[in-house]
Amino acid sequence: DNVGFNVRNLAVKDLKRGYVCSDSKNDPAKDTANFNAQVIVMNHPGQIQNGYAPVLDCHTAHIACKFVELKEKIDRRSGKKLEDAPKFVKSGDAAIVIMKPQKPMCVEKFSQYAPLGRFAVRDMRQ
């Protein structure tokens, strides 16, 4: 479902892709310098390692994010740690990764705001 609303003193032309609306008094949306992400590699031809920078689709934003550090490889189903600081991950693997957006981006904890904590990583337009 899509919901539309108007904000006083704000023109539609002033809004851009990726902007987030929030409660400015109680819980304002903030951009992030970096964040920990659980990544499951579904379909990738090679190996993913530190420094990889694909486009991340989070809510309506499309922003390049760098894989700063692969912290640990985990089991896809149980979430149990399999390996600390792996050199790479490949198709079928899951990992906890420190990611750094190349531009300001709003990301929240999945447990608090699921839509702002869920993302898809695209490379080569896939």
Protein backbone atom coordinates (compact mmCIF):
# COMPACT_ATOMS: atom_id res chain seq x y z
CA ASP A 1 0.00 0.00 0.00
CA ASN A 2 1.11 3.53 -0.69
CA VAL A 3 0.16 6.38 1.62
CA GLY A 4 0.36 10.02 0.58
CA PHE A 5 0.41 13.08 2.80
CA ASN A 6 1.29 16.75 2.61
CA VAL A 7 3.63 18.66 4.89
CA ARG A 8 3.09 22.37 5.41
CA ASN A 9 5.82 24.61 3.92
CA LEU A 10 7.37 21.72 1.98
CA ALA A 11 6.98 21.43 -1.79
CA VAL A 12 6.99 18.09 -3.58
CA LYS A 13 9.95 19.34 -5.65
CA ASP A 14 12.04 19.63 -2.44
CA LEU A 15 11.73 15.88 -1.76
CA LYS A 16 14.24 13.46 -3.25
CA ARG A 17 14.54 9.67 -3.52
CA GLY A 18 15.61 8.13 -0.22
CA TYR A 19 14.24 10.85 2.07
CA VAL A 20 12.70 9.47 5.28
CA CYS A 21 9.87 10.97 7.33
CA SER A 22 10.08 10.57 11.12
CA ASP A 23 8.98 11.98 14.48
CA SER A 24 11.48 14.82 15.00
CA LYS A 25 10.74 15.16 18.73
CA ASN A 26 10.71 11.55 20.02
CA ASP A 27 12.73 9.47 17.56
CA PRO A 28 14.29 11.47 14.70
CA ALA A 29 15.72 9.67 11.67
CA LYS A 30 19.50 9.98 11.42
CA ASP A 31 22.03 9.15 8.76
CA THR A 32 24.71 6.59 9.51
CA ALA A 33 28.48 6.58 9.11
CA ASN A 34 28.58 2.76 9.03
CA PHE A 35 26.47 -0.17 10.20
CA ASN A 36 26.60 -3.90 10.86
CA ALA A 37 24.58 -5.96 8.39
CA GLN A 38 23.66 -9.61 8.08
CA VAL A 39 24.23 -10.39 4.41
CA ILE A 40 23.17 -13.58 2.62
CA VAL A 41 24.81 -14.01 -0.79
CA MET A 42 22.17 -15.40 -3.13
CA ASN A 43 23.60 -15.19 -6.62
CA HIS A 44 27.10 -13.84 -7.23
CA PRO A 45 29.57 -15.17 -9.79
CA GLY A 46 32.76 -14.63 -7.76
CA GLN A 47 33.99 -14.04 -4.23
CA ILE A 48 33.05 -11.00 -2.15
CA GLN A 49 35.78 -9.55 0.05
CA ASN A 50 36.66 -6.37 1.96
CA GLY A 51 36.47 -3.27 -0.26
CA TYR A 52 33.60 -4.55 -2.44
CA ALA A 53 31.19 -1.64 -3.12
CA PRO A 54 27.84 -2.61 -4.73
CA VAL A 55 24.63 -0.56 -4.87
CA LEU A 56 22.37 -1.05 -1.85
CA ASP A 57 18.58 -0.69 -2.22
CA CYS A 58 17.14 0.29 1.16
CA HIS A 59 13.54 1.62 1.21
CA THR A 60 13.60 4.03 -1.79
CA ALA A 61 17.31 4.86 -1.66
CA HIS A 62 19.88 3.44 -4.11
CA ILE A 63 23.32 4.12 -2.64
CA ALA A 64 26.72 2.50 -3.12
CA CYS A 65 27.97 0.93 0.12
CA LYS A 66 31.41 -0.47 0.78
CA PHE A 67 32.00 -3.78 2.56
CA VAL A 68 34.52 -2.38 5.08
CA GLU A 69 35.08 -5.59 7.03
CA LEU A 70 33.78 -9.15 6.92
CA LYS A 71 33.40 -9.74 10.68
CA GLU A 72 32.18 -13.32 10.75
CA LYS A 73 30.71 -16.01 8.54
CA ILE A 74 27.47 -17.43 9.96
CA ASP A 75 25.10 -20.31 9.27
CA ARG A 76 22.23 -19.11 7.05
CA ARG A 77 19.55 -20.95 8.98
CA SER A 78 20.62 -20.91 12.63
CA GLY A 79 22.72 -17.71 12.68
CA LYS A 80 25.54 -19.50 14.54
CA LYS A 81 29.08 -18.28 13.98
CA LEU A 82 31.12 -20.50 11.65
CA GLU A 83 34.31 -18.47 11.13
CA ASP A 84 35.84 -15.21 12.43
CA ALA A 85 37.13 -12.61 9.94
CA PRO A 86 36.75 -14.66 6.74
CA LYS A 87 38.82 -13.57 3.73
CA PHE A 88 35.80 -13.84 1.40
CA VAL A 89 32.19 -15.02 1.07
CA LYS A 90 30.59 -16.60 -2.00
CA SER A 91 27.13 -17.69 -3.20
CA GLY A 92 25.24 -19.56 -0.51
CA ASP A 93 27.21 -17.97 2.36
CA ALA A 94 25.90 -15.63 5.06
CA ALA A 95 28.03 -13.15 6.99
CA ILE A 96 27.99 -10.23 9.41
CA VAL A 97 29.57 -7.29 7.60
CA ILE A 98 30.48 -3.70 8.53
CA MET A 99 29.15 -1.54 5.68
CA LYS A 100 29.87 2.12 4.95
CA PRO A 101 27.51 4.16 2.72
CA GLN A 102 29.22 6.42 0.15
CA LYS A 103 26.52 9.11 0.63
CA PRO A 104 24.31 10.00 3.62
CA MET A 105 21.78 7.22 4.19
CA CYS A 106 19.13 6.42 6.80
CA VAL A 107 19.31 2.83 8.10
CA GLU A 108 17.67 1.58 11.30
CA LYS A 109 17.87 -1.63 13.35
CA PHE A 110 15.70 -4.32 11.78
CA SER A 111 14.22 -5.10 15.21
CA GLN A 112 13.00 -1.50 15.61
CA TYR A 113 11.98 -0.45 12.08
CA ALA A 114 11.93 -3.44 9.74
CA PRO A 115 11.36 -1.49 6.47
CA LEU A 116 14.39 0.73 7.16
CA GLY A 117 16.50 -2.22 8.27
CA ARG A 118 15.88 -4.44 5.24
CA PHE A 119 17.87 -4.00 2.05
CA ALA A 120 18.92 -5.72 -1.16
CA VAL A 121 22.42 -5.57 -2.58
CA ARG A 122 22.60 -5.32 -6.34
CA ASP A 123 25.60 -5.67 -8.59
CA MET A 124 25.60 -5.67 -12.38
CA ARG A 125 21.87 -4.72 -12.26
CA GLN A 126 20.84 -8.09 -10.84
